[in-house]
C-alpha cells in the first residue's frame, strides 16, 4: 500500500492558540505511524502548543512513555494538555503527572518527594513520579528522570530529566554542575564538551524561561 493511501490515525483542529491532535482510530497506533503523521504535519505541530486527545482509546503506561521518549522529546513538541474519555487512560495520564484537559482533573497530580541516600553510578537509572532529592553525587553514566524537580546535593555528572512528562515549570538544582546536557520538560540543551558550559562546577538552579534555559547561582549565607 502506498503511504498516501494509508489510513490517517490523527486529526488536527485549532482551539484558540493551541492545536488539538486527536487519535481517530479504534486501536492504539504504532509509535512510528504517529511520528510519521506528526512529521508530515510539519510547522503545523511545531509552531503551536498541543493538546493531545486520545478520545476513547485505552492507552498503556508503556506506550505513553515510549511516545514521550521517541516522539515528543526528539521533535521538541510543546504539549500543554492531555485529554481522554477512557477512565483507565485518564488514570494513567494522571499517575504520570500530565496536565489534563478536563474540568475535574485539571491539575498536576500531587507531587511526592523521594530522598535518595545512595549515589547513582554509571549504568544505574531512577524514575520517580514527583520530586527527587539526592544526598550525594550523580556519577557520569547514571540517570534520573522525575515528573517534578530534581535536587542533587553533590556533583551532577550524569543525565537528569526534570519534568519528564512535559512539565517545563520543573527545576534542576545542584551544588556542582558538571554534566554536558540538561533536560527539563520538553526542552533539551545542546550537548557541550566538559567545562564548556558557563555553569560548570558552580552551585546553580536551572529552569526554563521564555523557551530557554536559565541558571541562577545558589548563594550561601556566608557569601552574602
C-alpha atoms as a PDB file:
ATOM      1  CA  UNK A   1       0.000   0.000   0.000  1.00  0.00           C
ATOM      2  CA  UNK A   2       1.332   3.417  -0.926  1.00  0.00           C
ATOM      3  CA  UNK A   3       1.949   5.792   2.020  1.00  0.00           C
ATOM      4  CA  UNK A   4      -0.523   8.296   0.536  1.00  0.00           C
ATOM      5  CA  UNK A   5      -3.382   5.764   0.822  1.00  0.00           C
ATOM      6  CA  UNK A   6      -2.614   4.766   4.408  1.00  0.00           C
ATOM      7  CA  UNK A   7      -5.396   5.397   6.896  1.00  0.00           C
ATOM      8  CA  UNK A   8      -4.728   8.511   8.934  1.00  0.00           C
ATOM      9  CA  UNK A   9      -4.546   7.985  12.686  1.00  0.00           C
ATOM     10  CA  UNK A  10      -4.574  11.669  13.693  1.00  0.00           C
ATOM     11  CA  UNK A  11      -6.723  14.721  13.071  1.00  0.00           C
ATOM     12  CA  UNK A  12      -5.704  18.333  13.673  1.00  0.00           C
ATOM     13  CA  UNK A  13      -8.011  21.122  14.784  1.00  0.00           C
ATOM     14  CA  UNK A  14      -7.254  24.551  16.181  1.00  0.00           C
ATOM     15  CA  UNK A  15      -8.502  25.560  19.627  1.00  0.00           C
ATOM     16  CA  UNK A  16      -7.644  29.154  20.407  1.00  0.00           C
ATOM     17  CA  UNK A  17      -3.872  29.463  20.153  1.00  0.00           C
ATOM     18  CA  UNK A  18      -3.427  25.701  20.625  1.00  0.00           C
ATOM     19  CA  UNK A  19      -3.754  22.775  18.231  1.00  0.00           C
ATOM     20  CA  UNK A  20      -5.765  19.706  19.220  1.00  0.00           C
ATOM     21  CA  UNK A  21      -4.190  16.479  17.958  1.00  0.00           C
ATOM     22  CA  UNK A  22      -6.850  13.760  18.195  1.00  0.00           C
ATOM     23  CA  UNK A  23      -6.422   9.996  17.770  1.00  0.00           C
ATOM     24  CA  UNK A  24      -9.205   8.877  15.421  1.00  0.00           C
ATOM     25  CA  UNK A  25      -8.600   5.120  15.102  1.00  0.00           C
ATOM     26  CA  UNK A  26     -10.284   2.320  17.038  1.00  0.00           C
ATOM     27  CA  UNK A  27      -6.922   0.892  18.164  1.00  0.00           C
ATOM     28  CA  UNK A  28      -3.767   2.424  19.601  1.00  0.00           C
ATOM     29  CA  UNK A  29      -1.465   3.076  16.621  1.00  0.00           C
ATOM     30  CA  UNK A  30       2.215   2.256  16.381  1.00  0.00           C
ATOM     31  CA  UNK A  31       4.710   4.862  17.570  1.00  0.00           C
ATOM     32  CA  UNK A  32       6.293   5.072  14.098  1.00  0.00           C
ATOM     33  CA  UNK A  33       2.898   5.751  12.477  1.00  0.00           C
ATOM     34  CA  UNK A  34       2.204   8.595  14.906  1.00  0.00           C
ATOM     35  CA  UNK A  35       5.688  10.026  14.428  1.00  0.00           C
ATOM     36  CA  UNK A  36       5.269   9.939  10.641  1.00  0.00           C
ATOM     37  CA  UNK A  37       1.951  11.819  10.706  1.00  0.00           C
ATOM     38  CA  UNK A  38       3.280  14.465  13.074  1.00  0.00           C
ATOM     39  CA  UNK A  39       6.357  14.973  10.919  1.00  0.00           C
ATOM     40  CA  UNK A  40       4.169  15.210   7.815  1.00  0.00           C
ATOM     41  CA  UNK A  41       2.194  17.983   9.559  1.00  0.00           C
ATOM     42  CA  UNK A  42       5.438  19.982   9.757  1.00  0.00           C
ATOM     43  CA  UNK A  43       5.204  23.502  11.147  1.00  0.00           C
ATOM     44  CA  UNK A  44       1.550  22.972  11.998  1.00  0.00           C
ATOM     45  CA  UNK A  45       2.541  20.985  15.097  1.00  0.00           C
ATOM     46  CA  UNK A  46       5.923  22.612  15.676  1.00  0.00           C
ATOM     47  CA  UNK A  47       4.626  26.182  15.898  1.00  0.00           C
ATOM     48  CA  UNK A  48       1.662  25.653  18.266  1.00  0.00           C
ATOM     49  CA  UNK A  49       1.146  24.381  21.798  1.00  0.00           C
ATOM     50  CA  UNK A  50      -0.549  20.984  21.513  1.00  0.00           C
ATOM     51  CA  UNK A  51      -3.473  19.269  23.198  1.00  0.00           C
ATOM     52  CA  UNK A  52      -3.086  15.503  22.762  1.00  0.00           C
ATOM     53  CA  UNK A  53      -6.522  13.839  22.776  1.00  0.00           C
ATOM     54  CA  UNK A  54      -6.674  10.038  22.926  1.00  0.00           C
ATOM     55  CA  UNK A  55     -10.504  10.061  22.904  1.00  0.00           C
ATOM     56  CA  UNK A  56     -11.821   6.575  23.830  1.00  0.00           C
ATOM     57  CA  UNK A  57      -8.523   4.719  23.337  1.00  0.00           C
ATOM     58  CA  UNK A  58      -7.167   2.616  26.176  1.00  0.00           C
ATOM     59  CA  UNK A  59      -3.523   3.703  26.237  1.00  0.00           C
ATOM     60  CA  UNK A  60      -0.965   1.888  28.384  1.00  0.00           C
ATOM     61  CA  UNK A  61       1.726   3.479  30.535  1.00  0.00           C
ATOM     62  CA  UNK A  62       4.408   1.744  28.443  1.00  0.00           C
ATOM     63  CA  UNK A  63       3.044   3.243  25.208  1.00  0.00           C
ATOM     64  CA  UNK A  64       2.811   6.719  26.755  1.00  0.00           C
ATOM     65  CA  UNK A  65       6.412   6.631  27.963  1.00  0.00           C
ATOM     66  CA  UNK A  66       7.560   5.432  24.517  1.00  0.00           C
ATOM     67  CA  UNK A  67       5.550   8.257  22.925  1.00  0.00           C
ATOM     68  CA  UNK A  68       7.355  10.785  25.130  1.00  0.00           C
ATOM     69  CA  UNK A  69      10.792   9.259  24.595  1.00  0.00           C
ATOM     70  CA  UNK A  70      10.583   8.623  20.849  1.00  0.00           C
ATOM     71  CA  UNK A  71       8.238  11.365  19.611  1.00  0.00           C
ATOM     72  CA  UNK A  72       7.527  14.284  21.968  1.00  0.00           C
ATOM     73  CA  UNK A  73      11.060  14.945  23.195  1.00  0.00           C
ATOM     74  CA  UNK A  74      13.022  14.304  19.940  1.00  0.00           C
ATOM     75  CA  UNK A  75      10.577  16.506  17.972  1.00  0.00           C
ATOM     76  CA  UNK A  76      10.599  19.154  20.732  1.00  0.00           C
ATOM     77  CA  UNK A  77       6.789  19.263  20.790  1.00  0.00           C
ATOM     78  CA  UNK A  78       5.101  21.633  23.237  1.00  0.00           C
ATOM     79  CA  UNK A  79       2.308  19.568  24.808  1.00  0.00           C
ATOM     80  CA  UNK A  80       0.314  21.696  27.239  1.00  0.00           C
ATOM     81  CA  UNK A  81      -2.713  19.464  27.871  1.00  0.00           C
ATOM     82  CA  UNK A  82      -3.712  15.807  27.540  1.00  0.00           C
ATOM     83  CA  UNK A  83      -7.262  14.517  27.056  1.00  0.00           C
ATOM     84  CA  UNK A  84      -9.120  11.196  27.003  1.00  0.00           C
ATOM     85  CA  UNK A  85     -12.573   9.780  27.723  1.00  0.00           C
ATOM     86  CA  UNK A  86     -11.368   6.305  28.709  1.00  0.00           C
ATOM     87  CA  UNK A  87     -11.129   6.158  32.507  1.00  0.00           C
ATOM     88  CA  UNK A  88      -8.093   3.874  32.501  1.00  0.00           C
ATOM     89  CA  UNK A  89      -6.217   6.228  30.160  1.00  0.00           C
ATOM     90  CA  UNK A  90      -7.144   9.216  32.340  1.00  0.00           C
ATOM     91  CA  UNK A  91      -5.866   7.430  35.430  1.00  0.00           C
ATOM     92  CA  UNK A  92      -2.599   6.563  33.681  1.00  0.00           C
ATOM     93  CA  UNK A  93      -2.143  10.144  32.488  1.00  0.00           C
ATOM     94  CA  UNK A  94      -2.832  11.477  35.986  1.00  0.00           C
ATOM     95  CA  UNK A  95      -0.436   8.988  37.606  1.00  0.00           C
ATOM     96  CA  UNK A  96       2.346  10.272  35.339  1.00  0.00           C
ATOM     97  CA  UNK A  97       1.673  13.878  36.345  1.00  0.00           C
ATOM     98  CA  UNK A  98       0.260  15.002  32.995  1.00  0.00           C
ATOM     99  CA  UNK A  99      -1.897  18.130  32.971  1.00  0.00           C
ATOM    100  CA  UNK A 100      -5.355  17.030  31.874  1.00  0.00           C
ATOM    101  CA  UNK A 101      -7.912  18.853  29.754  1.00  0.00           C
ATOM    102  CA  UNK A 102     -10.960  18.079  31.882  1.00  0.00           C
ATOM    103  CA  UNK A 103     -12.868  20.058  34.478  1.00  0.00           C
ATOM    104  CA  UNK A 104     -12.464  17.689  37.402  1.00  0.00           C
ATOM    105  CA  UNK A 105      -8.828  16.678  36.779  1.00  0.00           C
ATOM    106  CA  UNK A 106      -7.203  19.884  35.566  1.00  0.00           C
ATOM    107  CA  UNK A 107      -4.157  19.976  37.842  1.00  0.00           C
ATOM    108  CA  UNK A 108      -0.953  18.014  38.051  1.00  0.00           C
ATOM    109  CA  UNK A 109      -1.243  15.079  40.403  1.00  0.00           C
ATOM    110  CA  UNK A 110       0.194  15.829  43.860  1.00  0.00           C
ATOM    111  CA  UNK A 111       3.952  15.599  43.888  1.00  0.00           C
ATOM    112  CA  UNK A 112       5.753  13.308  46.323  1.00  0.00           C
ATOM    113  CA  UNK A 113       9.380  13.693  47.366  1.00  0.00           C
ATOM    114  CA  UNK A 114      11.810  10.794  47.019  1.00  0.00           C
ATOM    115  CA  UNK A 115      15.039  11.087  49.011  1.00  0.00           C
ATOM    116  CA  UNK A 116      17.967   9.116  47.594  1.00  0.00           C
ATOM    117  CA  UNK A 117      20.829   8.495  50.023  1.00  0.00           C
ATOM    118  CA  UNK A 118      22.984   6.187  47.860  1.00  0.00           C
ATOM    119  CA  UNK A 119      24.944   7.720  44.956  1.00  0.00           C
ATOM    120  CA  UNK A 120      23.905   6.527  41.499  1.00  0.00           C
ATOM    121  CA  UNK A 121      26.782   5.183  39.421  1.00  0.00           C
ATOM    122  CA  UNK A 122      27.271   4.557  35.695  1.00  0.00           C
ATOM    123  CA  UNK A 123      24.512   2.400  34.223  1.00  0.00           C
ATOM    124  CA  UNK A 124      22.054   2.995  37.084  1.00  0.00           C
ATOM    125  CA  UNK A 125      18.762   4.780  36.412  1.00  0.00           C
ATOM    126  CA  UNK A 126      15.954   6.162  38.556  1.00  0.00           C
ATOM    127  CA  UNK A 127      12.429   7.232  37.582  1.00  0.00           C
ATOM    128  CA  UNK A 128      10.108   8.880  40.108  1.00  0.00           C
ATOM    129  CA  UNK A 129       6.630  10.410  39.926  1.00  0.00           C
ATOM    130  CA  UNK A 130       7.300  13.576  41.892  1.00  0.00           C
ATOM    131  CA  UNK A 131      10.392  15.445  43.098  1.00  0.00           C
ATOM    132  CA  UNK A 132      13.772  13.832  43.767  1.00  0.00           C
ATOM    133  CA  UNK A 133      16.306  14.923  46.397  1.00  0.00           C
ATOM    134  CA  UNK A 134      19.651  13.162  46.035  1.00  0.00           C
ATOM    135  CA  UNK A 135      22.013  13.343  49.004  1.00  0.00           C
ATOM    136  CA  UNK A 136      25.227  12.803  47.106  1.00  0.00           C
ATOM    137  CA  UNK A 137      26.686  12.874  43.605  1.00  0.00           C
ATOM    138  CA  UNK A 138      25.142  11.629  40.384  1.00  0.00           C
ATOM    139  CA  UNK A 139      28.007   9.941  38.587  1.00  0.00           C
ATOM    140  CA  UNK A 140      28.656  10.046  34.842  1.00  0.00           C
ATOM    141  CA  UNK A 141      26.566   7.449  33.002  1.00  0.00           C
ATOM    142  CA  UNK A 142      23.807   7.437  35.649  1.00  0.00           C
ATOM    143  CA  UNK A 143      20.379   8.934  35.007  1.00  0.00           C
ATOM    144  CA  UNK A 144      17.457  10.402  36.977  1.00  0.00           C
ATOM    145  CA  UNK A 145      14.055  11.159  35.438  1.00  0.00           C
ATOM    146  CA  UNK A 146      11.320  12.774  37.531  1.00  0.00           C
ATOM    147  CA  UNK A 147       7.934  14.305  36.816  1.00  0.00           C
ATOM    148  CA  UNK A 148       8.846  17.096  39.240  1.00  0.00           C
ATOM    149  CA  UNK A 149      12.082  18.880  40.136  1.00  0.00           C
ATOM    150  CA  UNK A 150      15.461  17.269  40.838  1.00  0.00           C
ATOM    151  CA  UNK A 151      17.929  18.387  43.521  1.00  0.00           C
ATOM    152  CA  UNK A 152      21.425  16.884  43.633  1.00  0.00           C
ATOM    153  CA  UNK A 153      23.422  17.773  46.750  1.00  0.00           C
ATOM    154  CA  UNK A 154      26.704  16.821  45.161  1.00  0.00           C
ATOM    155  CA  UNK A 155      28.342  16.883  41.753  1.00  0.00           C
ATOM    156  CA  UNK A 156      25.881  16.412  38.890  1.00  0.00           C
ATOM    157  CA  UNK A 157      27.852  14.471  36.270  1.00  0.00           C
ATOM    158  CA  UNK A 158      25.120  12.189  34.900  1.00  0.00           C
ATOM    159  CA  UNK A 159      21.928  12.915  32.981  1.00  0.00           C
ATOM    160  CA  UNK A 160      18.825  14.386  34.627  1.00  0.00           C
ATOM    161  CA  UNK A 161      15.401  15.000  33.134  1.00  0.00           C
ATOM    162  CA  UNK A 162      13.192  17.083  35.404  1.00  0.00           C
ATOM    163  CA  UNK A 163       9.516  17.441  34.481  1.00  0.00           C
ATOM    164  CA  UNK A 164       9.940  14.428  32.201  1.00  0.00           C
ATOM    165  CA  UNK A 165       6.220  14.250  31.338  1.00  0.00           C
ATOM    166  CA  UNK A 166       6.326  17.713  29.799  1.00  0.00           C
ATOM    167  CA  UNK A 167       6.384  19.966  32.888  1.00  0.00           C
ATOM    168  CA  UNK A 168       8.523  22.933  31.807  1.00  0.00           C
ATOM    169  CA  UNK A 169       7.985  24.540  35.231  1.00  0.00           C
ATOM    170  CA  UNK A 170      10.268  21.995  36.918  1.00  0.00           C
ATOM    171  CA  UNK A 171      13.797  22.891  38.030  1.00  0.00           C
ATOM    172  CA  UNK A 172      17.176  21.249  38.474  1.00  0.00           C
ATOM    173  CA  UNK A 173      19.303  22.252  41.471  1.00  0.00           C
ATOM    174  CA  UNK A 174      22.834  21.042  42.110  1.00  0.00           C
ATOM    175  CA  UNK A 175      25.778  22.046  44.258  1.00  0.00           C
ATOM    176  CA  UNK A 176      28.180  21.186  41.426  1.00  0.00           C
ATOM    177  CA  UNK A 177      27.104  21.362  37.774  1.00  0.00           C
ATOM    178  CA  UNK A 178      29.347  19.011  35.777  1.00  0.00           C
ATOM    179  CA  UNK A 179      27.124  17.478  33.089  1.00  0.00           C
ATOM    180  CA  UNK A 180      27.220  18.055  29.339  1.00  0.00           C
ATOM    181  CA  UNK A 181      23.450  18.075  28.762  1.00  0.00           C
ATOM    182  CA  UNK A 182      20.326  19.225  30.593  1.00  0.00           C
ATOM    183  CA  UNK A 183      16.669  18.243  30.105  1.00  0.00           C
ATOM    184  CA  UNK A 184      13.650  19.982  31.615  1.00  0.00           C
ATOM    185  CA  UNK A 185      10.138  19.234  30.397  1.00  0.00           C
ATOM    186  CA  UNK A 186      10.129  19.330  26.593  1.00  0.00           C
ATOM    187  CA  UNK A 187      13.438  21.247  26.483  1.00  0.00           C
ATOM    188  CA  UNK A 188      16.786  19.580  25.759  1.00  0.00           C
ATOM    189  CA  UNK A 189      20.020  21.554  25.892  1.00  0.00           C
ATOM    190  CA  UNK A 190      22.794  21.261  23.348  1.00  0.00           C
ATOM    191  CA  UNK A 191      25.498  18.722  24.137  1.00  0.00           C
ATOM    192  CA  UNK A 192      28.602  20.548  25.320  1.00  0.00           C
ATOM    193  CA  UNK A 193      32.169  19.479  25.952  1.00  0.00           C
ATOM    194  CA  UNK A 194      33.165  19.094  29.631  1.00  0.00           C
ATOM    195  CA  UNK A 195      33.912  22.510  31.106  1.00  0.00           C
ATOM    196  CA  UNK A 196      32.386  24.421  28.192  1.00  0.00           C
ATOM    197  CA  UNK A 197      29.189  25.370  29.994  1.00  0.00           C
ATOM    198  CA  UNK A 198      29.263  28.756  31.746  1.00  0.00           C
ATOM    199  CA  UNK A 199      27.663  26.994  34.729  1.00  0.00           C
ATOM    200  CA  UNK A 200      30.406  24.371  35.006  1.00  0.00           C
ATOM    201  CA  UNK A 201      31.366  23.486  38.566  1.00  0.00           C
ATOM    202  CA  UNK A 202      29.003  26.060  40.082  1.00  0.00           C
ATOM    203  CA  UNK A 203      26.129  25.561  42.536  1.00  0.00           C
ATOM    204  CA  UNK A 204      23.110  26.548  40.462  1.00  0.00           C
ATOM    205  CA  UNK A 205      19.389  26.284  39.971  1.00  0.00           C
ATOM    206  CA  UNK A 206      18.414  25.731  36.336  1.00  0.00           C
ATOM    207  CA  UNK A 207      14.946  26.363  34.938  1.00  0.00           C
ATOM    208  CA  UNK A 208      13.184  27.244  31.690  1.00  0.00           C
ATOM    209  CA  UNK A 209      12.085  30.815  30.995  1.00  0.00           C
ATOM    210  CA  UNK A 210      10.919  32.172  27.671  1.00  0.00           C
ATOM    211  CA  UNK A 211      11.831  28.932  25.918  1.00  0.00           C
ATOM    212  CA  UNK A 212      15.492  28.945  27.022  1.00  0.00           C
ATOM    213  CA  UNK A 213      17.487  27.501  29.907  1.00  0.00           C
ATOM    214  CA  UNK A 214      18.328  29.960  32.682  1.00  0.00           C
ATOM    215  CA  UNK A 215      20.777  29.346  35.530  1.00  0.00           C
ATOM    216  CA  UNK A 216      20.908  31.267  38.789  1.00  0.00           C
ATOM    217  CA  UNK A 217      23.681  30.873  41.330  1.00  0.00           C
ATOM    218  CA  UNK A 218      22.894  29.371  44.716  1.00  0.00           C
ATOM    219  CA  UNK A 219      24.386  31.868  47.146  1.00  0.00           C
ATOM    220  CA  UNK A 220      25.243  30.607  50.622  1.00  0.00           C
ATOM    221  CA  UNK A 221      24.545  32.939  53.562  1.00  0.00           C
ATOM    222  CA  UNK A 222      28.260  33.200  54.376  1.00  0.00           C
ATOM    223  CA  UNK A 223      28.840  34.581  50.836  1.00  0.00           C
ATOM    224  CA  UNK A 224      26.290  37.393  51.164  1.00  0.00           C
END
